[in-house]
Amino acid sequence: MTDKATEISKLLAPTVASLGVELMGAEYLPSPGGAVLRLYIDVPADDVTIDADGEPRSVTIEECEAVSREVSAQLDVEDPISGNYTLEVSSPGIDRPLFTLPHYQRFVGETAKVTLRLPQDGRRRLQGRIERVEGDTVVFLLDGKEFPVSVENIDKARIVPDWVALGLAPSKPGAHPKADKAGGDKRPARQKTKSTNKPAADKPTRAE
């Protein structure tokens, strides 16, 4: 995460936790026309609740909307972002982002796509299996060789889904993937228009 995203995550994490979900991390994407602040929330790692379908509980649209309302109010008071911005609150999705060392530890054995802050061995981007976590270093397996990366040098990282294992891609020629199982991120969006002195009234708009 960027320094601004880290700052905002620390600020908002207690509020999100009070709503029964966990703030995984944030993405802060500034642009001349207005920044985007994207928050990723998930069920706490120690939550073993099973839903009516016998599956582990997952984040609902209603929880995304509740988090959006609460953190929007907090951001108006704390005012950590100058200028206009759009707030998005999302579940992690199948290609979930990774922000912290515990995230990498949790998904050891999975494949991740990673963008580095600074080039390492001539690479800015890599895709490899998460082998293990050692201290503040994540060890990936690339082309049969280990590639250790300090977590501080990771700008962005996402899990690469195994579409075949999920039943969403053909496993052999002639097979047909199952449809409509991947789902999408749940992202209620609130666009914040702010003046130089203070934030304007909150007028949420829903993204299409």
N, C-alpha and C. Protein backbone atom coordinates (compact mmCIF):
# COMPACT_ATOMS: atom_id res chain seq x y z
N MET A 1 0.83 -1.19 0.00
CA MET A 1 0.00 0.00 0.00
C MET A 1 0.87 1.25 0.00
N THR A 2 0.36 2.34 -0.56
CA THR A 2 1.06 3.61 -0.50
C THR A 2 1.00 4.15 0.92
N ASP A 3 1.84 5.16 1.20
CA ASP A 3 1.83 5.75 2.54
C ASP A 3 0.46 6.32 2.88
N LYS A 4 -0.18 6.96 1.91
CA LYS A 4 -1.52 7.53 2.16
C LYS A 4 -2.53 6.42 2.44
N ALA A 5 -2.47 5.34 1.66
CA ALA A 5 -3.39 4.23 1.89
C ALA A 5 -3.17 3.60 3.25
N THR A 6 -1.91 3.46 3.66
CA THR A 6 -1.60 2.91 4.98
C THR A 6 -2.14 3.79 6.08
N GLU A 7 -1.95 5.09 5.93
CA GLU A 7 -2.46 6.06 6.91
C GLU A 7 -3.97 5.94 7.06
N ILE A 8 -4.66 5.87 5.93
CA ILE A 8 -6.13 5.80 5.97
C ILE A 8 -6.58 4.46 6.54
N SER A 9 -5.90 3.38 6.21
CA SER A 9 -6.26 2.07 6.75
C SER A 9 -6.18 2.05 8.27
N LYS A 10 -5.10 2.61 8.82
CA LYS A 10 -4.95 2.66 10.27
C LYS A 10 -6.04 3.50 10.91
N LEU A 11 -6.42 4.56 10.23
CA LEU A 11 -7.46 5.44 10.74
C LEU A 11 -8.83 4.76 10.79
N LEU A 12 -9.13 4.00 9.73
CA LEU A 12 -10.48 3.45 9.58
C LEU A 12 -10.66 2.04 10.15
N ALA A 13 -9.58 1.32 10.39
CA ALA A 13 -9.67 -0.08 10.81
C ALA A 13 -10.56 -0.28 12.04
N PRO A 14 -10.44 0.53 13.11
CA PRO A 14 -11.31 0.31 14.27
C PRO A 14 -12.80 0.48 13.96
N THR A 15 -13.11 1.45 13.11
CA THR A 15 -14.51 1.66 12.73
C THR A 15 -15.05 0.46 11.97
N VAL A 16 -14.27 -0.06 11.04
CA VAL A 16 -14.70 -1.22 10.26
C VAL A 16 -14.86 -2.43 11.18
N ALA A 17 -13.92 -2.63 12.10
CA ALA A 17 -13.98 -3.77 13.01
C ALA A 17 -15.22 -3.71 13.90
N SER A 18 -15.65 -2.50 14.25
CA SER A 18 -16.84 -2.36 15.10
C SER A 18 -18.10 -2.83 14.40
N LEU A 19 -18.05 -2.98 13.06
CA LEU A 19 -19.19 -3.44 12.28
C LEU A 19 -19.13 -4.94 12.01
N GLY A 20 -18.16 -5.63 12.62
CA GLY A 20 -18.10 -7.09 12.52
C GLY A 20 -17.34 -7.63 11.33
N VAL A 21 -16.62 -6.75 10.62
CA VAL A 21 -15.80 -7.20 9.50
C VAL A 21 -14.40 -6.62 9.67
N GLU A 22 -13.49 -7.05 8.80
CA GLU A 22 -12.09 -6.64 8.91
C GLU A 22 -11.68 -5.81 7.70
N LEU A 23 -10.96 -4.73 7.95
CA LEU A 23 -10.42 -3.94 6.86
C LEU A 23 -9.11 -4.59 6.42
N MET A 24 -9.11 -5.22 5.25
CA MET A 24 -7.92 -5.88 4.73
C MET A 24 -6.85 -4.88 4.35
N GLY A 25 -7.27 -3.79 3.70
CA GLY A 25 -6.34 -2.79 3.24
C GLY A 25 -7.06 -1.79 2.36
N ALA A 26 -6.30 -0.83 1.86
CA ALA A 26 -6.88 0.23 1.05
C ALA A 26 -6.01 0.51 -0.15
N GLU A 27 -6.64 1.02 -1.19
CA GLU A 27 -5.93 1.54 -2.35
C GLU A 27 -6.32 3.01 -2.50
N TYR A 28 -5.33 3.87 -2.62
CA TYR A 28 -5.58 5.29 -2.83
C TYR A 28 -5.03 5.65 -4.19
N LEU A 29 -5.91 6.06 -5.10
CA LEU A 29 -5.54 6.31 -6.49
C LEU A 29 -5.83 7.77 -6.84
N PRO A 30 -4.84 8.65 -6.67
CA PRO A 30 -5.06 10.06 -6.99
C PRO A 30 -5.08 10.30 -8.48
N SER A 31 -5.85 11.29 -8.90
CA SER A 31 -5.88 11.68 -10.30
C SER A 31 -6.37 13.13 -10.37
N PRO A 32 -6.08 13.84 -11.46
CA PRO A 32 -6.49 15.24 -11.57
C PRO A 32 -7.99 15.44 -11.44
N GLY A 33 -8.78 14.49 -11.91
CA GLY A 33 -10.23 14.64 -11.86
C GLY A 33 -10.85 14.23 -10.55
N GLY A 34 -10.08 13.72 -9.63
CA GLY A 34 -10.61 13.26 -8.34
C GLY A 34 -10.07 11.89 -8.01
N ALA A 35 -9.64 11.72 -6.77
CA ALA A 35 -9.03 10.46 -6.35
C ALA A 35 -10.09 9.38 -6.13
N VAL A 36 -9.62 8.13 -6.09
CA VAL A 36 -10.45 6.99 -5.71
C VAL A 36 -9.84 6.37 -4.46
N LEU A 37 -10.65 6.21 -3.43
CA LEU A 37 -10.25 5.49 -2.23
C LEU A 37 -11.04 4.20 -2.20
N ARG A 38 -10.34 3.08 -2.33
CA ARG A 38 -10.99 1.77 -2.40
C ARG A 38 -10.62 0.97 -1.14
N LEU A 39 -11.62 0.57 -0.40
CA LEU A 39 -11.41 -0.22 0.81
C LEU A 39 -11.84 -1.66 0.55
N TYR A 40 -11.02 -2.60 0.99
CA TYR A 40 -11.35 -4.02 0.88
C TYR A 40 -11.66 -4.58 2.27
N ILE A 41 -12.83 -5.15 2.41
CA ILE A 41 -13.22 -5.71 3.70
C ILE A 41 -13.48 -7.20 3.55
N ASP A 42 -13.30 -7.92 4.66
CA ASP A 42 -13.49 -9.37 4.63
C ASP A 42 -14.00 -9.82 5.99
N VAL A 43 -14.48 -11.06 6.02
CA VAL A 43 -14.85 -11.67 7.28
C VAL A 43 -13.58 -11.87 8.11
N PRO A 44 -13.59 -11.60 9.40
CA PRO A 44 -12.39 -11.82 10.22
C PRO A 44 -11.87 -13.24 10.07
N ALA A 45 -10.55 -13.40 10.11
CA ALA A 45 -9.92 -14.70 9.89
C ALA A 45 -10.38 -15.74 10.90
N ASP A 46 -10.74 -15.30 12.11
CA ASP A 46 -11.15 -16.26 13.15
C ASP A 46 -12.66 -16.52 13.16
N ASP A 47 -13.37 -15.96 12.18
CA ASP A 47 -14.81 -16.19 12.08
C ASP A 47 -15.06 -17.49 11.33
N VAL A 48 -15.61 -18.49 12.04
CA VAL A 48 -15.84 -19.81 11.44
C VAL A 48 -17.33 -20.06 11.18
N THR A 49 -18.09 -18.97 11.10
CA THR A 49 -19.52 -19.09 10.85
C THR A 49 -19.79 -19.75 9.50
N ILE A 50 -20.76 -20.65 9.48
CA ILE A 50 -21.18 -21.33 8.25
C ILE A 50 -22.55 -20.82 7.85
N ASP A 51 -22.72 -20.49 6.57
CA ASP A 51 -24.01 -19.96 6.13
C ASP A 51 -25.00 -21.09 5.85
N ALA A 52 -26.19 -20.71 5.37
CA ALA A 52 -27.26 -21.68 5.15
C ALA A 52 -26.92 -22.70 4.07
N ASP A 53 -25.98 -22.37 3.20
CA ASP A 53 -25.58 -23.30 2.14
C ASP A 53 -24.42 -24.19 2.56
N GLY A 54 -24.02 -24.08 3.83
CA GLY A 54 -22.91 -24.89 4.31
C GLY A 54 -21.55 -24.35 3.94
N GLU A 55 -21.49 -23.09 3.49
CA GLU A 55 -20.24 -22.46 3.09
C GLU A 55 -19.80 -21.47 4.16
N PRO A 56 -18.48 -21.19 4.25
CA PRO A 56 -18.02 -20.16 5.19
C PRO A 56 -18.68 -18.82 4.90
N ARG A 57 -18.98 -18.07 5.95
CA ARG A 57 -19.63 -16.78 5.78
C ARG A 57 -18.76 -15.85 4.95
N SER A 58 -19.39 -15.09 4.08
CA SER A 58 -18.67 -14.11 3.26
C SER A 58 -19.31 -12.74 3.45
N VAL A 59 -18.59 -11.71 3.03
CA VAL A 59 -19.08 -10.34 3.16
C VAL A 59 -20.30 -10.13 2.27
N THR A 60 -21.29 -9.44 2.78
CA THR A 60 -22.52 -9.18 2.04
C THR A 60 -22.54 -7.74 1.52
N ILE A 61 -23.44 -7.51 0.57
CA ILE A 61 -23.62 -6.15 0.05
C ILE A 61 -24.05 -5.22 1.17
N GLU A 62 -24.90 -5.72 2.07
CA GLU A 62 -25.38 -4.89 3.18
C GLU A 62 -24.21 -4.47 4.08
N GLU A 63 -23.25 -5.36 4.29
CA GLU A 63 -22.08 -5.01 5.11
C GLU A 63 -21.22 -3.97 4.41
N CYS A 64 -21.06 -4.11 3.09
CA CYS A 64 -20.32 -3.10 2.32
C CYS A 64 -20.98 -1.73 2.44
N GLU A 65 -22.30 -1.71 2.36
CA GLU A 65 -23.03 -0.45 2.44
C GLU A 65 -22.92 0.16 3.84
N ALA A 66 -22.97 -0.69 4.88
CA ALA A 66 -22.84 -0.19 6.25
C ALA A 66 -21.46 0.40 6.49
N VAL A 67 -20.43 -0.28 6.00
CA VAL A 67 -19.07 0.24 6.14
C VAL A 67 -18.93 1.55 5.38
N SER A 68 -19.50 1.61 4.19
CA SER A 68 -19.42 2.82 3.38
C SER A 68 -20.02 4.01 4.12
N ARG A 69 -21.17 3.81 4.75
CA ARG A 69 -21.83 4.91 5.48
C ARG A 69 -20.98 5.37 6.65
N GLU A 70 -20.48 4.41 7.44
CA GLU A 70 -19.75 4.77 8.66
C GLU A 70 -18.41 5.43 8.36
N VAL A 71 -17.65 4.86 7.43
CA VAL A 71 -16.33 5.44 7.16
C VAL A 71 -16.47 6.76 6.41
N SER A 72 -17.53 6.92 5.63
CA SER A 72 -17.75 8.18 4.94
C SER A 72 -17.94 9.30 5.96
N ALA A 73 -18.72 9.01 7.00
CA ALA A 73 -18.93 10.00 8.05
C ALA A 73 -17.62 10.30 8.78
N GLN A 74 -16.84 9.26 9.05
CA GLN A 74 -15.56 9.46 9.73
C GLN A 74 -14.59 10.27 8.88
N LEU A 75 -14.54 9.98 7.58
CA LEU A 75 -13.65 10.72 6.69
C LEU A 75 -14.04 12.19 6.61
N ASP A 76 -15.34 12.48 6.70
CA ASP A 76 -15.77 13.88 6.70
C ASP A 76 -15.22 14.62 7.92
N VAL A 77 -15.17 13.91 9.05
CA VAL A 77 -14.69 14.54 10.29
C VAL A 77 -13.17 14.62 10.31
N GLU A 78 -12.51 13.51 10.01
CA GLU A 78 -11.04 13.45 10.09
C GLU A 78 -10.37 14.19 8.94
N ASP A 79 -11.01 14.17 7.76
CA ASP A 79 -10.55 14.92 6.59
C ASP A 79 -9.12 14.60 6.17
N PRO A 80 -8.79 13.30 5.94
CA PRO A 80 -7.42 12.95 5.55
C PRO A 80 -7.12 13.14 4.07
N ILE A 81 -8.16 13.43 3.26
CA ILE A 81 -7.98 13.56 1.81
C ILE A 81 -8.41 14.95 1.37
N SER A 82 -7.53 15.66 0.72
CA SER A 82 -7.87 16.97 0.18
C SER A 82 -8.43 16.81 -1.23
N GLY A 83 -9.39 17.63 -1.57
CA GLY A 83 -9.96 17.57 -2.91
C GLY A 83 -11.07 16.55 -3.02
N ASN A 84 -11.53 16.35 -4.26
CA ASN A 84 -12.63 15.43 -4.52
C ASN A 84 -12.14 13.99 -4.57
N TYR A 85 -12.98 13.07 -4.13
CA TYR A 85 -12.62 11.65 -4.21
C TYR A 85 -13.88 10.81 -4.21
N THR A 86 -13.74 9.60 -4.69
CA THR A 86 -14.83 8.62 -4.68
C THR A 86 -14.44 7.48 -3.74
N LEU A 87 -15.34 7.15 -2.83
CA LEU A 87 -15.12 6.06 -1.89
C LEU A 87 -15.79 4.80 -2.41
N GLU A 88 -15.02 3.71 -2.48
CA GLU A 88 -15.56 2.40 -2.86
C GLU A 88 -15.24 1.41 -1.75
N VAL A 89 -16.22 0.58 -1.42
CA VAL A 89 -16.03 -0.47 -0.42
C VAL A 89 -16.32 -1.80 -1.10
N SER A 90 -15.39 -2.73 -1.02
CA SER A 90 -15.49 -3.95 -1.80
C SER A 90 -15.15 -5.18 -0.98
N SER A 91 -15.80 -6.29 -1.31
CA SER A 91 -15.36 -7.58 -0.82
C SER A 91 -14.11 -7.97 -1.60
N PRO A 92 -13.29 -8.92 -1.09
CA PRO A 92 -12.02 -9.20 -1.76
C PRO A 92 -12.14 -9.84 -3.13
N GLY A 93 -13.21 -10.62 -3.39
CA GLY A 93 -13.33 -11.30 -4.68
C GLY A 93 -12.41 -12.50 -4.78
N ILE A 94 -12.50 -13.22 -5.87
CA ILE A 94 -11.68 -14.42 -6.06
C ILE A 94 -10.21 -14.05 -6.24
N ASP A 95 -9.95 -12.98 -6.97
CA ASP A 95 -8.57 -12.53 -7.17
C ASP A 95 -8.20 -11.54 -6.07
N ARG A 96 -8.30 -12.00 -4.83
CA ARG A 96 -8.19 -11.10 -3.69
C ARG A 96 -6.83 -10.41 -3.61
N PRO A 97 -6.82 -9.15 -3.17
CA PRO A 97 -5.56 -8.45 -2.98
C PRO A 97 -4.88 -8.91 -1.70
N LEU A 98 -3.57 -8.76 -1.64
CA LEU A 98 -2.77 -9.10 -0.47
C LEU A 98 -2.08 -7.83 0.01
N PHE A 99 -2.22 -7.53 1.29
CA PHE A 99 -1.65 -6.30 1.82
C PHE A 99 -0.61 -6.52 2.92
N THR A 100 -0.80 -7.54 3.74
CA THR A 100 0.05 -7.72 4.91
C THR A 100 0.73 -9.09 4.90
N LEU A 101 1.75 -9.24 5.73
CA LEU A 101 2.44 -10.53 5.83
C LEU A 101 1.49 -11.67 6.21
N PRO A 102 0.56 -11.47 7.17
CA PRO A 102 -0.39 -12.55 7.46
C PRO A 102 -1.22 -12.97 6.25
N HIS A 103 -1.50 -12.04 5.32
CA HIS A 103 -2.23 -12.40 4.10
C HIS A 103 -1.41 -13.38 3.28
N TYR A 104 -0.11 -13.10 3.13
CA TYR A 104 0.74 -14.01 2.36
C TYR A 104 0.88 -15.35 3.07
N GLN A 105 1.00 -15.32 4.39
CA GLN A 105 1.11 -16.56 5.15
C GLN A 105 -0.13 -17.41 4.97
N ARG A 106 -1.28 -16.76 4.96
CA ARG A 106 -2.55 -17.48 4.82
C ARG A 106 -2.66 -18.17 3.47
N PHE A 107 -2.03 -17.59 2.44
CA PHE A 107 -2.19 -18.13 1.09
C PHE A 107 -0.90 -18.74 0.54
N VAL A 108 -0.08 -19.28 1.43
CA VAL A 108 1.09 -20.03 0.99
C VAL A 108 0.63 -21.18 0.09
N GLY A 109 1.31 -21.35 -1.03
CA GLY A 109 0.94 -22.39 -1.99
C GLY A 109 0.11 -21.86 -3.15
N GLU A 110 -0.46 -20.65 -2.99
CA GLU A 110 -1.23 -20.04 -4.07
C GLU A 110 -0.31 -19.21 -4.96
N THR A 111 -0.78 -18.95 -6.18
CA THR A 111 -0.03 -18.11 -7.12
C THR A 111 -0.48 -16.66 -6.98
N ALA A 112 0.48 -15.75 -6.99
CA ALA A 112 0.18 -14.33 -6.86
C ALA A 112 0.83 -13.54 -7.99
N LYS A 113 0.15 -12.48 -8.39
CA LYS A 113 0.71 -11.52 -9.36
C LYS A 113 1.11 -10.28 -8.57
N VAL A 114 2.37 -9.85 -8.73
CA VAL A 114 2.95 -8.84 -7.86
C VAL A 114 3.58 -7.72 -8.68
N THR A 115 3.38 -6.49 -8.21
CA THR A 115 4.08 -5.32 -8.75
C THR A 115 4.98 -4.77 -7.66
N LEU A 116 6.24 -4.53 -7.98
CA LEU A 116 7.21 -4.05 -7.00
C LEU A 116 7.32 -2.53 -7.05
N ARG A 117 7.67 -1.95 -5.90
CA ARG A 117 7.92 -0.51 -5.85
C ARG A 117 9.20 -0.18 -6.61
N LEU A 118 10.26 -0.95 -6.34
CA LEU A 118 11.56 -0.75 -6.99
C LEU A 118 11.95 -2.04 -7.71
N PRO A 119 12.61 -1.94 -8.86
CA PRO A 119 13.01 -3.15 -9.58
C PRO A 119 13.92 -4.04 -8.74
N GLN A 120 13.75 -5.33 -8.90
CA GLN A 120 14.59 -6.31 -8.21
C GLN A 120 15.02 -7.36 -9.22
N ASP A 121 16.33 -7.52 -9.39
CA ASP A 121 16.87 -8.44 -10.39
C ASP A 121 16.26 -8.16 -11.76
N GLY A 122 16.08 -6.88 -12.08
CA GLY A 122 15.56 -6.48 -13.38
C GLY A 122 14.06 -6.63 -13.53
N ARG A 123 13.36 -6.95 -12.44
CA ARG A 123 11.90 -7.16 -12.52
C ARG A 123 11.16 -6.06 -11.76
N ARG A 124 10.06 -5.60 -12.36
CA ARG A 124 9.10 -4.77 -11.65
C ARG A 124 7.81 -5.53 -11.42
N ARG A 125 7.60 -6.56 -12.24
CA ARG A 125 6.39 -7.38 -12.10
C ARG A 125 6.79 -8.85 -12.09
N LEU A 126 6.06 -9.62 -11.35
CA LEU A 126 6.35 -11.05 -11.30
C LEU A 126 5.06 -11.81 -10.98
N GLN A 127 5.06 -13.07 -11.35
CA GLN A 127 3.94 -13.96 -11.03
C GLN A 127 4.54 -15.31 -10.61
N GLY A 128 4.25 -15.70 -9.39
CA GLY A 128 4.82 -16.95 -8.91
C GLY A 128 4.08 -17.46 -7.69
N ARG A 129 4.42 -18.67 -7.28
CA ARG A 129 3.79 -19.30 -6.13
C ARG A 129 4.38 -18.74 -4.84
N ILE A 130 3.51 -18.50 -3.88
CA ILE A 130 3.96 -18.07 -2.56
C ILE A 130 4.49 -19.30 -1.82
N GLU A 131 5.80 -19.33 -1.60
CA GLU A 131 6.43 -20.48 -0.96
C GLU A 131 6.35 -20.41 0.56
N ARG A 132 6.70 -19.25 1.12
CA ARG A 132 6.69 -19.10 2.57
C ARG A 132 6.94 -17.63 2.92
N VAL A 133 6.78 -17.34 4.21
CA VAL A 133 7.08 -16.02 4.74
C VAL A 133 8.20 -16.17 5.75
N GLU A 134 9.24 -15.37 5.60
CA GLU A 134 10.37 -15.39 6.52
C GLU A 134 10.60 -13.98 7.05
N GLY A 135 10.26 -13.75 8.30
CA GLY A 135 10.40 -12.40 8.85
C GLY A 135 9.52 -11.43 8.08
N ASP A 136 10.14 -10.40 7.49
CA ASP A 136 9.38 -9.43 6.69
C ASP A 136 9.56 -9.68 5.20
N THR A 137 9.93 -10.91 4.85
CA THR A 137 10.19 -11.27 3.46
C THR A 137 9.21 -12.35 2.99
N VAL A 138 8.70 -12.16 1.76
CA VAL A 138 7.86 -13.16 1.13
C VAL A 138 8.70 -13.87 0.07
N VAL A 139 8.74 -15.19 0.14
CA VAL A 139 9.53 -15.96 -0.82
C VAL A 139 8.59 -16.55 -1.86
N PHE A 140 8.82 -16.17 -3.13
CA PHE A 140 8.04 -16.68 -4.25
C PHE A 140 8.87 -17.71 -5.01
N LEU A 141 8.18 -18.59 -5.72
CA LEU A 141 8.85 -19.54 -6.60
C LEU A 141 8.60 -19.10 -8.04
N LEU A 142 9.69 -18.72 -8.74
CA LEU A 142 9.60 -18.26 -10.12
C LEU A 142 10.48 -19.14 -10.99
N ASP A 143 9.88 -19.77 -11.97
CA ASP A 143 10.64 -20.60 -12.91
C ASP A 143 11.52 -21.61 -12.17
N GLY A 144 10.98 -22.18 -11.10
CA GLY A 144 11.70 -23.20 -10.36
C GLY A 144 12.74 -22.67 -9.38
N LYS A 145 12.87 -21.34 -9.28
CA LYS A 145 13.85 -20.74 -8.37
C LYS A 145 13.16 -19.83 -7.36
N GLU A 146 13.70 -19.80 -6.15
CA GLU A 146 13.13 -18.95 -5.12
C GLU A 146 13.50 -17.49 -5.36
N PHE A 147 12.53 -16.62 -5.09
CA PHE A 147 12.70 -15.19 -5.34
C PHE A 147 12.17 -14.44 -4.10
N PRO A 148 13.06 -14.12 -3.14
CA PRO A 148 12.62 -13.44 -1.92
C PRO A 148 12.40 -11.95 -2.17
N VAL A 149 11.30 -11.42 -1.62
CA VAL A 149 10.97 -10.00 -1.77
C VAL A 149 10.57 -9.44 -0.41
N SER A 150 11.16 -8.33 -0.02
CA SER A 150 10.73 -7.65 1.20
C SER A 150 9.31 -7.14 1.01
N VAL A 151 8.47 -7.32 2.02
CA VAL A 151 7.08 -6.87 1.90
C VAL A 151 7.02 -5.35 1.68
N GLU A 152 8.04 -4.62 2.16
CA GLU A 152 8.07 -3.17 1.97
C GLU A 152 8.27 -2.79 0.51
N ASN A 153 8.80 -3.72 -0.29
CA ASN A 153 9.02 -3.43 -1.72
C ASN A 153 7.86 -3.90 -2.59
N ILE A 154 6.80 -4.40 -1.98
CA ILE A 154 5.64 -4.85 -2.76
C ILE A 154 4.63 -3.71 -2.83
N ASP A 155 4.37 -3.26 -4.04
CA ASP A 155 3.40 -2.18 -4.24
C ASP A 155 1.98 -2.74 -4.28
N LYS A 156 1.76 -3.75 -5.12
CA LYS A 156 0.45 -4.38 -5.25
C LYS A 156 0.64 -5.87 -5.43
N ALA A 157 -0.32 -6.64 -4.92
CA ALA A 157 -0.28 -8.09 -5.12
C ALA A 157 -1.70 -8.63 -5.08
N ARG A 158 -1.96 -9.59 -5.95
CA ARG A 158 -3.26 -10.25 -5.99
C ARG A 158 -3.08 -11.74 -6.21
N ILE A 159 -3.99 -12.52 -5.63
CA ILE A 159 -4.03 -13.94 -5.89
C ILE A 159 -4.47 -14.17 -7.34
N VAL A 160 -3.81 -15.11 -8.01
CA VAL A 160 -4.23 -15.53 -9.35
C VAL A 160 -5.11 -16.77 -9.18
N PRO A 161 -6.40 -16.66 -9.45
CA PRO A 161 -7.29 -17.80 -9.22
C PRO A 161 -6.95 -19.00 -10.09
N ASP A 162 -7.17 -20.18 -9.56
CA ASP A 162 -7.07 -21.41 -10.35
C ASP A 162 -8.46 -21.66 -10.93
N TRP A 163 -8.67 -21.13 -12.13
CA TRP A 163 -10.00 -21.17 -12.72
C TRP A 163 -10.47 -22.60 -12.99
N VAL A 164 -9.55 -23.49 -13.30
CA VAL A 164 -9.93 -24.87 -13.55
C VAL A 164 -10.44 -25.51 -12.26
N ALA A 165 -9.69 -25.32 -11.17
CA ALA A 165 -10.09 -25.89 -9.88
C ALA A 165 -11.43 -25.33 -9.42
N LEU A 166 -11.69 -24.05 -9.78
CA LEU A 166 -12.94 -23.42 -9.39
C LEU A 166 -14.10 -23.83 -10.31
N GLY A 167 -13.80 -24.56 -11.36
CA GLY A 167 -14.84 -24.96 -12.30
C GLY A 167 -15.27 -23.87 -13.24
N LEU A 168 -14.40 -22.87 -13.41
CA LEU A 168 -14.75 -21.72 -14.24
C LEU A 168 -13.95 -21.68 -15.54
N ALA A 169 -13.18 -22.72 -15.81
CA ALA A 169 -12.43 -22.82 -17.06
C ALA A 169 -12.35 -24.29 -17.43
N PRO A 170 -12.29 -24.58 -18.74
CA PRO A 170 -12.23 -25.98 -19.17
C PRO A 170 -10.91 -26.62 -18.76
N SER A 171 -10.97 -27.87 -18.31
CA SER A 171 -9.76 -28.58 -17.91
C SER A 171 -9.15 -29.34 -19.08
N LYS A 172 -9.90 -29.49 -20.16
CA LYS A 172 -9.37 -30.17 -21.33
C LYS A 172 -10.11 -29.69 -22.57
N PRO A 173 -9.56 -29.89 -23.76
CA PRO A 173 -10.22 -29.41 -24.99
C PRO A 173 -11.63 -29.97 -25.10
N GLY A 174 -12.56 -29.07 -25.46
CA GLY A 174 -13.94 -29.48 -25.65
C GLY A 174 -14.80 -29.29 -24.43
N ALA A 175 -14.16 -29.09 -23.26
CA ALA A 175 -14.94 -28.89 -22.05
C ALA A 175 -15.44 -27.45 -22.00
N HIS A 176 -16.51 -27.25 -21.28
CA HIS A 176 -17.10 -25.92 -21.17
C HIS A 176 -17.09 -25.47 -19.73
N PRO A 177 -16.63 -24.25 -19.45
CA PRO A 177 -16.62 -23.76 -18.08
C PRO A 177 -18.03 -23.52 -17.58
N LYS A 178 -18.18 -23.63 -16.27
CA LYS A 178 -19.47 -23.30 -15.66
C LYS A 178 -19.65 -21.79 -15.68
N ALA A 179 -20.86 -21.37 -15.80
CA ALA A 179 -21.13 -19.93 -15.91
C ALA A 179 -21.63 -19.36 -14.60
N ASP A 180 -21.42 -18.04 -14.43
CA ASP A 180 -22.02 -17.27 -13.35
C ASP A 180 -21.64 -17.75 -11.96
N LYS A 181 -20.40 -18.22 -11.78
CA LYS A 181 -20.00 -18.61 -10.44
C LYS A 181 -18.94 -17.69 -9.86
N ALA A 182 -18.29 -16.94 -10.72
CA ALA A 182 -17.18 -16.13 -10.21
C ALA A 182 -17.68 -14.99 -9.34
N GLY A 183 -18.80 -14.41 -9.71
CA GLY A 183 -19.29 -13.27 -8.95
C GLY A 183 -18.44 -12.05 -9.21
N GLY A 184 -18.79 -10.94 -8.59
CA GLY A 184 -18.04 -9.72 -8.77
C GLY A 184 -17.87 -9.02 -7.45
N ASP A 185 -16.96 -8.07 -7.41
CA ASP A 185 -16.79 -7.28 -6.21
C ASP A 185 -18.05 -6.49 -5.93
N LYS A 186 -18.31 -6.29 -4.64
CA LYS A 186 -19.46 -5.50 -4.23
C LYS A 186 -18.94 -4.12 -3.87
N ARG A 187 -19.26 -3.12 -4.66
CA ARG A 187 -18.63 -1.83 -4.46
C ARG A 187 -19.63 -0.67 -4.44
N PRO A 188 -20.36 -0.49 -3.36
CA PRO A 188 -21.12 0.74 -3.27
C PRO A 188 -20.15 1.92 -3.32
N ALA A 189 -20.43 2.92 -4.12
CA ALA A 189 -19.49 4.04 -4.27
C ALA A 189 -20.14 5.32 -3.80
N ARG A 190 -19.35 6.13 -3.10
CA ARG A 190 -19.80 7.44 -2.67
C ARG A 190 -18.83 8.47 -3.21
N GLN A 191 -19.35 9.40 -3.99
CA GLN A 191 -18.49 10.44 -4.55
C GLN A 191 -18.52 11.64 -3.63
N LYS A 192 -17.34 12.06 -3.19
CA LYS A 192 -17.23 13.16 -2.24
C LYS A 192 -16.71 14.40 -2.96
N THR A 193 -17.49 15.45 -2.96
CA THR A 193 -17.06 16.71 -3.55
C THR A 193 -16.73 17.66 -2.41
N LYS A 194 -15.46 18.09 -2.35
CA LYS A 194 -15.00 18.86 -1.21
C LYS A 194 -14.47 20.21 -1.65
N SER A 195 -14.76 21.23 -0.88
CA SER A 195 -14.23 22.56 -1.14
C SER A 195 -12.87 22.69 -0.47
N THR A 196 -12.25 23.84 -0.61
CA THR A 196 -10.93 24.05 -0.02
C THR A 196 -10.99 24.02 1.49
N ASN A 197 -12.09 24.53 2.07
CA ASN A 197 -12.16 24.69 3.51
C ASN A 197 -12.78 23.51 4.23
N LYS A 198 -13.84 22.95 3.69
CA LYS A 198 -14.51 21.87 4.41
C LYS A 198 -15.25 21.00 3.42
N PRO A 199 -15.57 19.74 3.82
CA PRO A 199 -16.28 18.85 2.91
C PRO A 199 -17.70 19.29 2.69
N ALA A 200 -18.19 19.11 1.49
CA ALA A 200 -19.58 19.41 1.21
C ALA A 200 -20.45 18.31 1.77
N ALA A 201 -21.76 18.53 1.70
CA ALA A 201 -22.69 17.51 2.21
C ALA A 201 -22.50 16.23 1.43
N ASP A 202 -22.65 15.13 2.14
CA ASP A 202 -22.46 13.82 1.53
C ASP A 202 -23.64 13.49 0.64
N LYS A 203 -23.37 13.30 -0.62
CA LYS A 203 -24.42 12.92 -1.57
C LYS A 203 -23.99 11.66 -2.27
N PRO A 204 -24.30 10.49 -1.68
CA PRO A 204 -23.82 9.23 -2.26
C PRO A 204 -24.43 8.96 -3.62
N THR A 205 -23.60 8.45 -4.50
CA THR A 205 -24.09 8.00 -5.80
C THR A 205 -23.66 6.58 -5.99
N ARG A 206 -24.51 5.75 -6.53
CA ARG A 206 -24.20 4.35 -6.71
C ARG A 206 -23.55 4.13 -8.07
N ALA A 207 -22.40 3.45 -8.03
CA ALA A 207 -21.69 3.18 -9.29
C ALA A 207 -22.42 2.11 -10.06
N GLU A 208 -22.37 2.25 -11.37
CA GLU A 208 -22.99 1.24 -12.24
C GLU A 208 -22.01 0.11 -12.47
